[in-house]
Amino acid sequence: MKISIKVILLTAIPVLVIGFSGCATVSGTAFSPPTERPALFGPRSLPKKRSAVSGVQAKLVQGAYKIVGARKLIIRGRRFNFDCTGTVLAIYYYAGIDLSGEFPKYTGNGVLRLYKIMKFNNLLYITKYPVPGDLIFWDNTYDRNRDGKMNDYLTHVGMVVKVYNDGTIEYIHEHIRKGITIEKMNLRNPDTYSKKVMGKTVVVNAPMRMKIAGVAHPSAWLASQLLRDFGKAYLLYHD
């Protein structure tokens, strides 16, 4: 392990605003991730493996449920940006981990900095069955550079909350219209939007690409289709 993320004291402190924008335009030195999304089930995929959830992961899940529907993010006296990165940072802070402590070492917006931290520590991976607490990184969730092409990498981040045996993944993220919410994706059926179950329509993979009025969805628009990597950020935790 190359770094040790600062473990915070969970006591009340004056409100402090974390000012790293989560899903905004890149700033600072350019970062060049792979130009194509990795093959979802290719050589980098890990085999299905069910493991017990650690105490830290359980605390992360608890923190996630506590902020669903929140209108502002203040965790133990500390204010976080109301965006995708702020949502993840707030959840981790609730669990006693200050991921933003490493941000000054990197450039770019919040999503890029989180990704760089995961990459530096070899904590990125791809699998059909992630685990609670995993960060989720997506590409092309919107046309960041406004060129009409699917070439906008690392545009959004969320966190895995629960995984079912059928491959259903529940994740928390900040939705531009819904706010902080829990949605679903299933990497066993990545191209399925919804299905009928006992006469009711059930979402299999939530929409992720921002819809433009009057414009048809691109070929990839579901959370499952825009996935880049998972990141085991909780492994940076040290007692």
Foldseek 3Di string as FASTA:
>chain_A
DPAFFDFDDLAADAEAEDPFAQQAWWDDDDDDDPQDFPDQCPPQADDDDDDDDDPLLVQLLVLLVVCAVPPFQAGRNYGYDQFFLSSLQSSNVSSRGRPCVCQVVDGIGSQVSVVVVLVVVVFKTHYLFDARFKKWFFFQLEDNVPPPDRRGGRRGIWTWNDADPQSKTWIWGQDPPNGTHIDIEGLVCRQDQWDADPNDIDGHFAFRRDDDPPDDDDSATTPNRGTRIIGNVVVSHDD
